[in-house]
Amino acid sequence: MEFAQRTVDLARRNVEEGGRPFATVIVKDGEVIAESANQVAQTHDPTAHAEILAIRQACTKLGTEHLTGTTIYVLAHPCPMCLGSLYYCSPDEVVFLTTRDAYEPGFFTETCVWWCVDKR
């Protein structure tokens, strides 16, 4: 529960600082090895999602593109880009703290993306 709460706290802090309400924490052997909040609003980079940024940090820290042995805590069900990144980095476990349906009404553009993906 500690890592889940850390993820929620990171997202809340990001909103207070003008960012979007998403965060990711990556844990290996009971220790946080990387964490990030979504930085899209702050950087104007559409790929600066929390999952992507945290995965980059963890891979750099460990010197590998495979995050085997890790658990990744994600505040909300990831977008297609982040799902692909989570798949390719090979964590042992991914924990989604909320569902897409719970946050989707506030994020119309993501709703459109998911509608397109779901219809394929």
PDB file of N, CA and C in Angstrom:
ATOM      1  N   MET A   1       0.818  -1.201   0.000  1.00  0.00           N
ATOM      2  CA  MET A   1       0.000   0.000   0.000  1.00  0.00           C
ATOM      3  C   MET A   1       0.858   1.259   0.000  1.00  0.00           C
ATOM      4  N   GLU A   2       2.041   1.152   0.572  1.00  0.00           N
ATOM      5  CA  GLU A   2       2.953   2.301   0.651  1.00  0.00           C
ATOM      6  C   GLU A   2       3.281   2.860  -0.732  1.00  0.00           C
ATOM      7  N   PHE A   3       3.556   1.982  -1.697  1.00  0.00           N
ATOM      8  CA  PHE A   3       3.931   2.443  -3.033  1.00  0.00           C
ATOM      9  C   PHE A   3       2.723   2.985  -3.796  1.00  0.00           C
ATOM     10  N   ALA A   4       1.575   2.400  -3.559  1.00  0.00           N
ATOM     11  CA  ALA A   4       0.349   2.919  -4.168  1.00  0.00           C
ATOM     12  C   ALA A   4       0.074   4.336  -3.659  1.00  0.00           C
ATOM     13  N   GLN A   5       0.207   4.541  -2.367  1.00  0.00           N
ATOM     14  CA  GLN A   5      -0.024   5.870  -1.799  1.00  0.00           C
ATOM     15  C   GLN A   5       1.004   6.868  -2.313  1.00  0.00           C
ATOM     16  N   ARG A   6       2.227   6.417  -2.472  1.00  0.00           N
ATOM     17  CA  ARG A   6       3.270   7.296  -3.012  1.00  0.00           C
ATOM     18  C   ARG A   6       2.910   7.752  -4.426  1.00  0.00           C
ATOM     19  N   THR A   7       2.351   6.848  -5.208  1.00  0.00           N
ATOM     20  CA  THR A   7       1.925   7.175  -6.567  1.00  0.00           C
ATOM     21  C   THR A   7       0.813   8.224  -6.547  1.00  0.00           C
ATOM     22  N   VAL A   8      -0.164   8.032  -5.678  1.00  0.00           N
ATOM     23  CA  VAL A   8      -1.270   8.987  -5.545  1.00  0.00           C
ATOM     24  C   VAL A   8      -0.747  10.346  -5.097  1.00  0.00           C
ATOM     25  N   ASP A   9       0.137  10.350  -4.110  1.00  0.00           N
ATOM     26  CA  ASP A   9       0.694  11.612  -3.601  1.00  0.00           C
ATOM     27  C   ASP A   9       1.470  12.362  -4.682  1.00  0.00           C
ATOM     28  N   LEU A  10       2.222  11.627  -5.487  1.00  0.00           N
ATOM     29  CA  LEU A  10       2.991  12.231  -6.573  1.00  0.00           C
ATOM     30  C   LEU A  10       2.058  12.882  -7.601  1.00  0.00           C
ATOM     31  N   ALA A  11       0.973  12.215  -7.922  1.00  0.00           N
ATOM     32  CA  ALA A  11      -0.003  12.774  -8.871  1.00  0.00           C
ATOM     33  C   ALA A  11      -0.673  14.020  -8.296  1.00  0.00           C
ATOM     34  N   ARG A  12      -1.030  13.967  -7.026  1.00  0.00           N
ATOM     35  CA  ARG A  12      -1.662  15.137  -6.390  1.00  0.00           C
ATOM     36  C   ARG A  12      -0.724  16.339  -6.388  1.00  0.00           C
ATOM     37  N   ARG A  13       0.517  16.094  -6.054  1.00  0.00           N
ATOM     38  CA  ARG A  13       1.511  17.171  -6.038  1.00  0.00           C
ATOM     39  C   ARG A  13       1.669  17.766  -7.440  1.00  0.00           C
ATOM     40  N   ASN A  14       1.634  16.915  -8.444  1.00  0.00           N
ATOM     41  CA  ASN A  14       1.764  17.388  -9.819  1.00  0.00           C
ATOM     42  C   ASN A  14       0.601  18.300 -10.204  1.00  0.00           C
ATOM     43  N   VAL A  15      -0.600  17.952  -9.792  1.00  0.00           N
ATOM     44  CA  VAL A  15      -1.772  18.793 -10.074  1.00  0.00           C
ATOM     45  C   VAL A  15      -1.624  20.142  -9.378  1.00  0.00           C
ATOM     46  N   GLU A  16      -1.163  20.130  -8.134  1.00  0.00           N
ATOM     47  CA  GLU A  16      -0.955  21.382  -7.393  1.00  0.00           C
ATOM     48  C   GLU A  16       0.052  22.290  -8.091  1.00  0.00           C
ATOM     49  N   GLU A  17       0.978  21.679  -8.839  1.00  0.00           N
ATOM     50  CA  GLU A  17       2.018  22.433  -9.546  1.00  0.00           C
ATOM     51  C   GLU A  17       1.628  22.727 -10.997  1.00  0.00           C
ATOM     52  N   GLY A  18       0.365  22.474 -11.352  1.00  0.00           N
ATOM     53  CA  GLY A  18      -0.113  22.795 -12.691  1.00  0.00           C
ATOM     54  C   GLY A  18      -0.061  21.667 -13.695  1.00  0.00           C
ATOM     55  N   GLY A  19       0.285  20.474 -13.246  1.00  0.00           N
ATOM     56  CA  GLY A  19       0.370  19.331 -14.148  1.00  0.00           C
ATOM     57  C   GLY A  19      -0.903  18.513 -14.177  1.00  0.00           C
ATOM     58  N   ARG A  20      -0.828  17.399 -14.843  1.00  0.00           N
ATOM     59  CA  ARG A  20      -1.978  16.507 -14.986  1.00  0.00           C
ATOM     60  C   ARG A  20      -1.934  15.420 -13.911  1.00  0.00           C
ATOM     61  N   PRO A  21      -3.078  14.827 -13.593  1.00  0.00           N
ATOM     62  CA  PRO A  21      -3.174  13.919 -12.446  1.00  0.00           C
ATOM     63  C   PRO A  21      -2.742  12.479 -12.721  1.00  0.00           C
ATOM     64  N   PHE A  22      -1.519  12.316 -13.184  1.00  0.00           N
ATOM     65  CA  PHE A  22      -1.019  10.979 -13.461  1.00  0.00           C
ATOM     66  C   PHE A  22       0.383  10.835 -12.891  1.00  0.00           C
ATOM     67  N   ALA A  23       0.698   9.632 -12.388  1.00  0.00           N
ATOM     68  CA  ALA A  23       2.022   9.379 -11.826  1.00  0.00           C
ATOM     69  C   ALA A  23       2.332   7.889 -11.914  1.00  0.00           C
ATOM     70  N   THR A  24       3.620   7.590 -11.863  1.00  0.00           N
ATOM     71  CA  THR A  24       4.104   6.212 -11.919  1.00  0.00           C
ATOM     72  C   THR A  24       5.264   6.054 -10.949  1.00  0.00           C
ATOM     73  N   VAL A  25       5.271   4.929 -10.236  1.00  0.00           N
ATOM     74  CA  VAL A  25       6.358   4.589  -9.320  1.00  0.00           C
ATOM     75  C   VAL A  25       6.822   3.180  -9.679  1.00  0.00           C
ATOM     76  N   ILE A  26       8.136   3.001  -9.802  1.00  0.00           N
ATOM     77  CA  ILE A  26       8.700   1.690 -10.137  1.00  0.00           C
ATOM     78  C   ILE A  26       9.519   1.189  -8.954  1.00  0.00           C
ATOM     79  N   VAL A  27       9.224  -0.053  -8.547  1.00  0.00           N
ATOM     80  CA  VAL A  27       9.819  -0.639  -7.348  1.00  0.00           C
ATOM     81  C   VAL A  27      10.557  -1.923  -7.705  1.00  0.00           C
ATOM     82  N   LYS A  28      11.742  -2.079  -7.135  1.00  0.00           N
ATOM     83  CA  LYS A  28      12.510  -3.321  -7.287  1.00  0.00           C
ATOM     84  C   LYS A  28      13.089  -3.684  -5.929  1.00  0.00           C
ATOM     85  N   ASP A  29      12.891  -4.909  -5.523  1.00  0.00           N
ATOM     86  CA  ASP A  29      13.397  -5.387  -4.231  1.00  0.00           C
ATOM     87  C   ASP A  29      12.960  -4.489  -3.075  1.00  0.00           C
ATOM     88  N   GLY A  30      11.731  -4.024  -3.127  1.00  0.00           N
ATOM     89  CA  GLY A  30      11.178  -3.223  -2.045  1.00  0.00           C
ATOM     90  C   GLY A  30      11.627  -1.779  -1.991  1.00  0.00           C
ATOM     91  N   GLU A  31      12.363  -1.324  -3.005  1.00  0.00           N
ATOM     92  CA  GLU A  31      12.840   0.060  -3.039  1.00  0.00           C
ATOM     93  C   GLU A  31      12.378   0.756  -4.319  1.00  0.00           C
ATOM     94  N   VAL A  32      12.055   2.033  -4.189  1.00  0.00           N
ATOM     95  CA  VAL A  32      11.690   2.830  -5.360  1.00  0.00           C
ATOM     96  C   VAL A  32      12.957   3.089  -6.169  1.00  0.00           C
ATOM     97  N   ILE A  33      12.938   2.683  -7.434  1.00  0.00           N
ATOM     98  CA  ILE A  33      14.100   2.936  -8.292  1.00  0.00           C
ATOM     99  C   ILE A  33      13.839   4.063  -9.281  1.00  0.00           C
ATOM    100  N   ALA A  34      12.558   4.391  -9.486  1.00  0.00           N
ATOM    101  CA  ALA A  34      12.212   5.506 -10.382  1.00  0.00           C
ATOM    102  C   ALA A  34      10.778   5.927 -10.106  1.00  0.00           C
ATOM    103  N   GLU A  35      10.523   7.201 -10.355  1.00  0.00           N
ATOM    104  CA  GLU A  35       9.159   7.713 -10.238  1.00  0.00           C
ATOM    105  C   GLU A  35       9.048   8.982 -11.059  1.00  0.00           C
ATOM    106  N   SER A  36       7.837   9.219 -11.533  1.00  0.00           N
ATOM    107  CA  SER A  36       7.604  10.444 -12.286  1.00  0.00           C
ATOM    108  C   SER A  36       6.124  10.757 -12.310  1.00  0.00           C
ATOM    109  N   ALA A  37       5.842  12.025 -12.383  1.00  0.00           N
ATOM    110  CA  ALA A  37       4.494  12.491 -12.674  1.00  0.00           C
ATOM    111  C   ALA A  37       4.439  12.810 -14.162  1.00  0.00           C
ATOM    112  N   ASN A  38       3.254  12.907 -14.692  1.00  0.00           N
ATOM    113  CA  ASN A  38       3.055  13.304 -16.078  1.00  0.00           C
ATOM    114  C   ASN A  38       3.584  14.729 -16.255  1.00  0.00           C
ATOM    115  N   GLN A  39       4.381  14.957 -17.286  1.00  0.00           N
ATOM    116  CA  GLN A  39       4.983  16.269 -17.527  1.00  0.00           C
ATOM    117  C   GLN A  39       4.544  16.899 -18.853  1.00  0.00           C
ATOM    118  N   VAL A  40       3.473  16.397 -19.439  1.00  0.00           N
ATOM    119  CA  VAL A  40       3.010  16.900 -20.734  1.00  0.00           C
ATOM    120  C   VAL A  40       2.694  18.391 -20.672  1.00  0.00           C
ATOM    121  N   ALA A  41       1.925  18.812 -19.685  1.00  0.00           N
ATOM    122  CA  ALA A  41       1.530  20.227 -19.584  1.00  0.00           C
ATOM    123  C   ALA A  41       2.730  21.136 -19.343  1.00  0.00           C
ATOM    124  N   GLN A  42       3.675  20.671 -18.556  1.00  0.00           N
ATOM    125  CA  GLN A  42       4.828  21.498 -18.213  1.00  0.00           C
ATOM    126  C   GLN A  42       5.844  21.599 -19.352  1.00  0.00           C
ATOM    127  N   THR A  43       6.000  20.523 -20.129  1.00  0.00           N
ATOM    128  CA  THR A  43       7.045  20.483 -21.158  1.00  0.00           C
ATOM    129  C   THR A  43       6.517  20.660 -22.581  1.00  0.00           C
ATOM    130  N   HIS A  44       5.204  20.567 -22.739  1.00  0.00           N
ATOM    131  CA  HIS A  44       4.579  20.608 -24.068  1.00  0.00           C
ATOM    132  C   HIS A  44       5.076  19.463 -24.950  1.00  0.00           C
ATOM    133  N   ASP A  45       5.456  18.369 -24.306  1.00  0.00           N
ATOM    134  CA  ASP A  45       5.907  17.157 -24.989  1.00  0.00           C
ATOM    135  C   ASP A  45       4.804  16.108 -24.846  1.00  0.00           C
ATOM    136  N   PRO A  46       4.144  15.739 -25.932  1.00  0.00           N
ATOM    137  CA  PRO A  46       3.031  14.801 -25.825  1.00  0.00           C
ATOM    138  C   PRO A  46       3.434  13.392 -25.407  1.00  0.00           C
ATOM    139  N   THR A  47       4.731  13.097 -25.408  1.00  0.00           N
ATOM    140  CA  THR A  47       5.186  11.776 -24.964  1.00  0.00           C
ATOM    141  C   THR A  47       5.659  11.775 -23.514  1.00  0.00           C
ATOM    142  N   ALA A  48       5.561  12.886 -22.824  1.00  0.00           N
ATOM    143  CA  ALA A  48       6.076  12.988 -21.447  1.00  0.00           C
ATOM    144  C   ALA A  48       5.071  12.459 -20.423  1.00  0.00           C
ATOM    145  N   HIS A  49       4.548  11.279 -20.704  1.00  0.00           N
ATOM    146  CA  HIS A  49       3.633  10.628 -19.770  1.00  0.00           C
ATOM    147  C   HIS A  49       4.440  10.051 -18.608  1.00  0.00           C
ATOM    148  N   ALA A  50       3.801   9.925 -17.469  1.00  0.00           N
ATOM    149  CA  ALA A  50       4.481   9.449 -16.260  1.00  0.00           C
ATOM    150  C   ALA A  50       5.125   8.081 -16.471  1.00  0.00           C
ATOM    151  N   GLU A  51       4.416   7.177 -17.130  1.00  0.00           N
ATOM    152  CA  GLU A  51       4.954   5.836 -17.346  1.00  0.00           C
ATOM    153  C   GLU A  51       6.236   5.880 -18.168  1.00  0.00           C
ATOM    154  N   ILE A  52       6.215   6.648 -19.248  1.00  0.00           N
ATOM    155  CA  ILE A  52       7.370   6.739 -20.139  1.00  0.00           C
ATOM    156  C   ILE A  52       8.569   7.316 -19.391  1.00  0.00           C
ATOM    157  N   LEU A  53       8.350   8.398 -18.668  1.00  0.00           N
ATOM    158  CA  LEU A  53       9.447   9.055 -17.951  1.00  0.00           C
ATOM    159  C   LEU A  53      10.023   8.161 -16.861  1.00  0.00           C
ATOM    160  N   ALA A  54       9.167   7.478 -16.118  1.00  0.00           N
ATOM    161  CA  ALA A  54       9.654   6.593 -15.054  1.00  0.00           C
ATOM    162  C   ALA A  54      10.380   5.382 -15.633  1.00  0.00           C
ATOM    163  N   ILE A  55       9.864   4.825 -16.720  1.00  0.00           N
ATOM    164  CA  ILE A  55      10.539   3.695 -17.366  1.00  0.00           C
ATOM    165  C   ILE A  55      11.916   4.116 -17.853  1.00  0.00           C
ATOM    166  N   ARG A  56      12.029   5.282 -18.456  1.00  0.00           N
ATOM    167  CA  ARG A  56      13.340   5.777 -18.914  1.00  0.00           C
ATOM    168  C   ARG A  56      14.312   5.899 -17.743  1.00  0.00           C
ATOM    169  N   GLN A  57      13.840   6.473 -16.635  1.00  0.00           N
ATOM    170  CA  GLN A  57      14.701   6.617 -15.448  1.00  0.00           C
ATOM    171  C   GLN A  57      15.178   5.253 -14.951  1.00  0.00           C
ATOM    172  N   ALA A  58      14.243   4.314 -14.825  1.00  0.00           N
ATOM    173  CA  ALA A  58      14.583   2.995 -14.292  1.00  0.00           C
ATOM    174  C   ALA A  58      15.551   2.253 -15.207  1.00  0.00           C
ATOM    175  N   CYS A  59      15.305   2.295 -16.507  1.00  0.00           N
ATOM    176  CA  CYS A  59      16.192   1.609 -17.451  1.00  0.00           C
ATOM    177  C   CYS A  59      17.588   2.211 -17.434  1.00  0.00           C
ATOM    178  N   THR A  60      17.669   3.525 -17.353  1.00  0.00           N
ATOM    179  CA  THR A  60      18.974   4.190 -17.268  1.00  0.00           C
ATOM    180  C   THR A  60      19.686   3.795 -15.982  1.00  0.00           C
ATOM    181  N   LYS A  61      18.962   3.812 -14.881  1.00  0.00           N
ATOM    182  CA  LYS A  61      19.557   3.472 -13.585  1.00  0.00           C
ATOM    183  C   LYS A  61      20.073   2.035 -13.558  1.00  0.00           C
ATOM    184  N   LEU A  62      19.297   1.112 -14.143  1.00  0.00           N
ATOM    185  CA  LEU A  62      19.678  -0.298 -14.119  1.00  0.00           C
ATOM    186  C   LEU A  62      20.564  -0.703 -15.296  1.00  0.00           C
ATOM    187  N   GLY A  63      20.691   0.162 -16.299  1.00  0.00           N
ATOM    188  CA  GLY A  63      21.524  -0.148 -17.455  1.00  0.00           C
ATOM    189  C   GLY A  63      20.949  -1.241 -18.342  1.00  0.00           C
ATOM    190  N   THR A  64      19.640  -1.270 -18.468  1.00  0.00           N
ATOM    191  CA  THR A  64      18.979  -2.286 -19.280  1.00  0.00           C
ATOM    192  C   THR A  64      17.639  -1.770 -19.775  1.00  0.00           C
ATOM    193  N   GLU A  65      17.150  -2.377 -20.850  1.00  0.00           N
ATOM    194  CA  GLU A  65      15.816  -2.013 -21.319  1.00  0.00           C
ATOM    195  C   GLU A  65      14.743  -2.940 -20.753  1.00  0.00           C
ATOM    196  N   HIS A  66      15.152  -3.922 -19.964  1.00  0.00           N
ATOM    197  CA  HIS A  66      14.209  -4.880 -19.379  1.00  0.00           C
ATOM    198  C   HIS A  66      14.104  -4.667 -17.878  1.00  0.00           C
ATOM    199  N   LEU A  67      12.897  -4.427 -17.409  1.00  0.00           N
ATOM    200  CA  LEU A  67      12.681  -4.163 -15.988  1.00  0.00           C
ATOM    201  C   LEU A  67      12.129  -5.392 -15.272  1.00  0.00           C
ATOM    202  N   THR A  68      12.690  -6.551 -15.603  1.00  0.00           N
ATOM    203  CA  THR A  68      12.284  -7.767 -14.909  1.00  0.00           C
ATOM    204  C   THR A  68      12.615  -7.608 -13.428  1.00  0.00           C
ATOM    205  N   GLY A  69      11.775  -8.201 -12.597  1.00  0.00           N
ATOM    206  CA  GLY A  69      11.969  -8.087 -11.154  1.00  0.00           C
ATOM    207  C   GLY A  69      11.367  -6.832 -10.555  1.00  0.00           C
ATOM    208  N   THR A  70      10.646  -6.054 -11.368  1.00  0.00           N
ATOM    209  CA  THR A  70      10.055  -4.812 -10.862  1.00  0.00           C
ATOM    210  C   THR A  70       8.533  -4.896 -10.817  1.00  0.00           C
ATOM    211  N   THR A  71       7.982  -4.024  -9.996  1.00  0.00           N
ATOM    212  CA  THR A  71       6.543  -3.767  -9.992  1.00  0.00           C
ATOM    213  C   THR A  71       6.370  -2.303 -10.346  1.00  0.00           C
ATOM    214  N   ILE A  72       5.485  -2.030 -11.283  1.00  0.00           N
ATOM    215  CA  ILE A  72       5.234  -0.660 -11.717  1.00  0.00           C
ATOM    216  C   ILE A  72       3.829  -0.260 -11.277  1.00  0.00           C
ATOM    217  N   TYR A  73       3.756   0.799 -10.478  1.00  0.00           N
ATOM    218  CA  TYR A  73       2.486   1.344 -10.002  1.00  0.00           C
ATOM    219  C   TYR A  73       2.105   2.511 -10.903  1.00  0.00           C
ATOM    220  N   VAL A  74       0.926   2.424 -11.495  1.00  0.00           N
ATOM    221  CA  VAL A  74       0.436   3.433 -12.425  1.00  0.00           C
ATOM    222  C   VAL A  74      -0.887   3.951 -11.869  1.00  0.00           C
ATOM    223  N   LEU A  75      -1.023   5.267 -11.780  1.00  0.00           N
ATOM    224  CA  LEU A  75      -2.232   5.816 -11.175  1.00  0.00           C
ATOM    225  C   LEU A  75      -3.494   5.426 -11.931  1.00  0.00           C
ATOM    226  N   ALA A  76      -3.472   5.530 -13.252  1.00  0.00           N
ATOM    227  CA  ALA A  76      -4.662   5.247 -14.049  1.00  0.00           C
ATOM    228  C   ALA A  76      -4.311   4.287 -15.176  1.00  0.00           C
ATOM    229  N   HIS A  77      -5.311   3.597 -15.676  1.00  0.00           N
ATOM    230  CA  HIS A  77      -5.091   2.670 -16.782  1.00  0.00           C
ATOM    231  C   HIS A  77      -4.402   3.415 -17.915  1.00  0.00           C
ATOM    232  N   PRO A  78      -3.261   2.911 -18.399  1.00  0.00           N
ATOM    233  CA  PRO A  78      -2.447   3.640 -19.377  1.00  0.00           C
ATOM    234  C   PRO A  78      -3.068   3.783 -20.764  1.00  0.00           C
ATOM    235  N   CYS A  79      -2.594   4.807 -21.458  1.00  0.00           N
ATOM    236  CA  CYS A  79      -2.958   5.019 -22.854  1.00  0.00           C
ATOM    237  C   CYS A  79      -2.249   3.960 -23.706  1.00  0.00           C
ATOM    238  N   PRO A  80      -2.571   3.851 -24.988  1.00  0.00           N
ATOM    239  CA  PRO A  80      -1.928   2.857 -25.848  1.00  0.00           C
ATOM    240  C   PRO A  80      -0.401   2.990 -25.914  1.00  0.00           C
ATOM    241  N   MET A  81       0.122   4.216 -25.958  1.00  0.00           N
ATOM    242  CA  MET A  81       1.572   4.411 -26.005  1.00  0.00           C
ATOM    243  C   MET A  81       2.225   3.830 -24.755  1.00  0.00           C
ATOM    244  N   CYS A  82       1.645   4.122 -23.607  1.00  0.00           N
ATOM    245  CA  CYS A  82       2.223   3.658 -22.349  1.00  0.00           C
ATOM    246  C   CYS A  82       2.042   2.154 -22.161  1.00  0.00           C
ATOM    247  N   LEU A  83       0.913   1.623 -22.621  1.00  0.00           N
ATOM    248  CA  LEU A  83       0.722   0.171 -22.559  1.00  0.00           C
ATOM    249  C   LEU A  83       1.811  -0.546 -23.345  1.00  0.00           C
ATOM    250  N   GLY A  84       2.127  -0.028 -24.521  1.00  0.00           N
ATOM    251  CA  GLY A  84       3.201  -0.623 -25.312  1.00  0.00           C
ATOM    252  C   GLY A  84       4.534  -0.572 -24.595  1.00  0.00           C
ATOM    253  N   SER A  85       4.832   0.547 -23.976  1.00  0.00           N
ATOM    254  CA  SER A  85       6.090   0.692 -23.238  1.00  0.00           C
ATOM    255  C   SER A  85       6.144  -0.252 -22.048  1.00  0.00           C
ATOM    256  N   LEU A  86       5.020  -0.386 -21.357  1.00  0.00           N
ATOM    257  CA  LEU A  86       4.963  -1.313 -20.218  1.00  0.00           C
ATOM    258  C   LEU A  86       5.173  -2.750 -20.682  1.00  0.00           C
ATOM    259  N   TYR A  87       4.617  -3.097 -21.807  1.00  0.00           N
ATOM    260  CA  TYR A  87       4.794  -4.437 -22.354  1.00  0.00           C
ATOM    261  C   TYR A  87       6.267  -4.701 -22.692  1.00  0.00           C
ATOM    262  N   TYR A  88       6.881  -3.772 -23.408  1.00  0.00           N
ATOM    263  CA  TYR A  88       8.241  -3.987 -23.882  1.00  0.00           C
ATOM    264  C   TYR A  88       9.309  -3.913 -22.799  1.00  0.00           C
ATOM    265  N   CYS A  89       9.040  -3.259 -21.687  1.00  0.00           N
ATOM    266  CA  CYS A  89      10.073  -3.197 -20.640  1.00  0.00           C
ATOM    267  C   CYS A  89      10.023  -4.409 -19.712  1.00  0.00           C
ATOM    268  N   SER A  90       9.032  -5.263 -19.846  1.00  0.00           N
ATOM    269  CA  SER A  90       8.958  -6.570 -19.184  1.00  0.00           C
ATOM    270  C   SER A  90       8.985  -6.560 -17.655  1.00  0.00           C
ATOM    271  N   PRO A  91       8.173  -5.741 -17.001  1.00  0.00           N
ATOM    272  CA  PRO A  91       8.132  -5.799 -15.539  1.00  0.00           C
ATOM    273  C   PRO A  91       7.451  -7.093 -15.091  1.00  0.00           C
ATOM    274  N   ASP A  92       7.679  -7.480 -13.844  1.00  0.00           N
ATOM    275  CA  ASP A  92       6.991  -8.654 -13.315  1.00  0.00           C
ATOM    276  C   ASP A  92       5.508  -8.373 -13.093  1.00  0.00           C
ATOM    277  N   GLU A  93       5.206  -7.128 -12.722  1.00  0.00           N
ATOM    278  CA  GLU A  93       3.827  -6.787 -12.387  1.00  0.00           C
ATOM    279  C   GLU A  93       3.567  -5.316 -12.675  1.00  0.00           C
ATOM    280  N   VAL A  94       2.355  -5.016 -13.130  1.00  0.00           N
ATOM    281  CA  VAL A  94       1.898  -3.634 -13.285  1.00  0.00           C
ATOM    282  C   VAL A  94       0.610  -3.506 -12.481  1.00  0.00           C
ATOM    283  N   VAL A  95       0.577  -2.509 -11.600  1.00  0.00           N
ATOM    284  CA  VAL A  95      -0.586  -2.276 -10.747  1.00  0.00           C
ATOM    285  C   VAL A  95      -1.266  -0.991 -11.200  1.00  0.00           C
ATOM    286  N   PHE A  96      -2.502  -1.101 -11.693  1.00  0.00           N
ATOM    287  CA  PHE A  96      -3.297   0.074 -12.075  1.00  0.00           C
ATOM    288  C   PHE A  96      -4.133   0.461 -10.859  1.00  0.00           C
ATOM    289  N   LEU A  97      -3.992   1.687 -10.393  1.00  0.00           N
ATOM    290  CA  LEU A  97      -4.680   2.116  -9.179  1.00  0.00           C
ATOM    291  C   LEU A  97      -6.106   2.583  -9.417  1.00  0.00           C
ATOM    292  N   THR A  98      -6.456   2.884 -10.654  1.00  0.00           N
ATOM    293  CA  THR A  98      -7.841   3.227 -10.994  1.00  0.00           C
ATOM    294  C   THR A  98      -8.113   2.771 -12.418  1.00  0.00           C
ATOM    295  N   THR A  99      -9.361   2.674 -12.767  1.00  0.00           N
ATOM    296  CA  THR A  99      -9.735   2.199 -14.095  1.00  0.00           C
ATOM    297  C   THR A  99      -9.894   3.353 -15.077  1.00  0.00           C
ATOM    298  N   ARG A 100      -9.887   3.023 -16.335  1.00  0.00           N
ATOM    299  CA  ARG A 100     -10.111   4.010 -17.388  1.00  0.00           C
ATOM    300  C   ARG A 100     -11.485   4.657 -17.223  1.00  0.00           C
ATOM    301  N   ASP A 101     -12.495   3.882 -16.897  1.00  0.00           N
ATOM    302  CA  ASP A 101     -13.850   4.422 -16.739  1.00  0.00           C
ATOM    303  C   ASP A 101     -13.943   5.455 -15.625  1.00  0.00           C
ATOM    304  N   ALA A 102     -13.111   5.320 -14.600  1.00  0.00           N
ATOM    305  CA  ALA A 102     -13.173   6.239 -13.461  1.00  0.00           C
ATOM    306  C   ALA A 102     -12.656   7.634 -13.804  1.00  0.00           C
ATOM    307  N   TYR A 103     -11.676   7.728 -14.696  1.00  0.00           N
ATOM    308  CA  TYR A 103     -11.111   9.046 -15.001  1.00  0.00           C
ATOM    309  C   TYR A 103     -11.437   9.545 -16.405  1.00  0.00           C
ATOM    310  N   GLU A 104     -11.911   8.682 -17.262  1.00  0.00           N
ATOM    311  CA  GLU A 104     -12.129   9.016 -18.666  1.00  0.00           C
ATOM    312  C   GLU A 104     -13.011  10.244 -18.914  1.00  0.00           C
ATOM    313  N   PRO A 105     -14.087  10.479 -18.153  1.00  0.00           N
ATOM    314  CA  PRO A 105     -14.939  11.636 -18.457  1.00  0.00           C
ATOM    315  C   PRO A 105     -14.200  12.980 -18.464  1.00  0.00           C
ATOM    316  N   GLY A 106     -13.123  13.091 -17.721  1.00  0.00           N
ATOM    317  CA  GLY A 106     -12.383  14.347 -17.677  1.00  0.00           C
ATOM    318  C   GLY A 106     -11.329  14.495 -18.752  1.00  0.00           C
ATOM    319  N   PHE A 107     -11.120  13.468 -19.562  1.00  0.00           N
ATOM    320  CA  PHE A 107     -10.055  13.490 -20.563  1.00  0.00           C
ATOM    321  C   PHE A 107     -10.604  13.078 -21.918  1.00  0.00           C
ATOM    322  N   PHE A 108     -11.299  14.020 -22.553  1.00  0.00           N
ATOM    323  CA  PHE A 108     -11.990  13.752 -23.812  1.00  0.00           C
ATOM    324  C   PHE A 108     -11.052  13.222 -24.886  1.00  0.00           C
ATOM    325  N   THR A 109      -9.849  13.770 -25.011  1.00  0.00           N
ATOM    326  CA  THR A 109      -8.957  13.328 -26.082  1.00  0.00           C
ATOM    327  C   THR A 109      -8.550  11.879 -25.876  1.00  0.00           C
ATOM    328  N   GLU A 110      -8.319  11.470 -24.633  1.00  0.00           N
ATOM    329  CA  GLU A 110      -7.988  10.070 -24.388  1.00  0.00           C
ATOM    330  C   GLU A 110      -9.190   9.186 -24.674  1.00  0.00           C
ATOM    331  N   THR A 111     -10.380   9.681 -24.391  1.00  0.00           N
ATOM    332  CA  THR A 111     -11.586   8.923 -24.697  1.00  0.00           C
ATOM    333  C   THR A 111     -11.641   8.643 -26.194  1.00  0.00           C
ATOM    334  N   CYS A 112     -11.335   9.634 -26.996  1.00  0.00           N
ATOM    335  CA  CYS A 112     -11.341   9.457 -28.450  1.00  0.00           C
ATOM    336  C   CYS A 112     -10.306   8.428 -28.877  1.00  0.00           C
ATOM    337  N   VAL A 113      -9.128   8.477 -28.292  1.00  0.00           N
ATOM    338  CA  VAL A 113      -8.080   7.509 -28.623  1.00  0.00           C
ATOM    339  C   VAL A 113      -8.549   6.106 -28.283  1.00  0.00           C
ATOM    340  N   TRP A 114      -9.100   5.934 -27.081  1.00  0.00           N
ATOM    341  CA  TRP A 114      -9.554   4.602 -26.675  1.00  0.00           C
ATOM    342  C   TRP A 114     -10.709   4.124 -27.544  1.00  0.00           C
ATOM    343  N   TRP A 115     -11.599   5.019 -27.941  1.00  0.00           N
ATOM    344  CA  TRP A 115     -12.704   4.629 -28.798  1.00  0.00           C
ATOM    345  C   TRP A 115     -12.158   4.062 -30.105  1.00  0.00           C
ATOM    346  N   CYS A 116     -11.166   4.723 -30.664  1.00  0.00           N
ATOM    347  CA  CYS A 116     -10.561   4.252 -31.915  1.00  0.00           C
ATOM    348  C   CYS A 116      -9.882   2.901 -31.725  1.00  0.00           C
ATOM    349  N   VAL A 117      -9.140   2.738 -30.639  1.00  0.00           N
ATOM    350  CA  VAL A 117      -8.445   1.476 -30.371  1.00  0.00           C
ATOM    351  C   VAL A 117      -9.450   0.361 -30.124  1.00  0.00           C
ATOM    352  N   ASP A 118     -10.476   0.634 -29.330  1.00  0.00           N
ATOM    353  CA  ASP A 118     -11.477  -0.380 -29.009  1.00  0.00           C
ATOM    354  C   ASP A 118     -12.246  -0.842 -30.240  1.00  0.00           C
ATOM    355  N   LYS A 119     -12.373   0.004 -31.238  1.00  0.00           N
ATOM    356  CA  LYS A 119     -13.150  -0.329 -32.431  1.00  0.00           C
ATOM    357  C   LYS A 119     -12.366  -1.167 -33.431  1.00  0.00           C
ATOM    358  N   ARG A 120     -11.088  -1.357 -33.222  1.00  0.00           N
ATOM    359  CA  ARG A 120     -10.277  -2.152 -34.169  1.00  0.00           C
ATOM    360  C   ARG A 120     -10.514  -3.625 -33.995  1.00  0.00           C
TER     361      ARG A 120
END
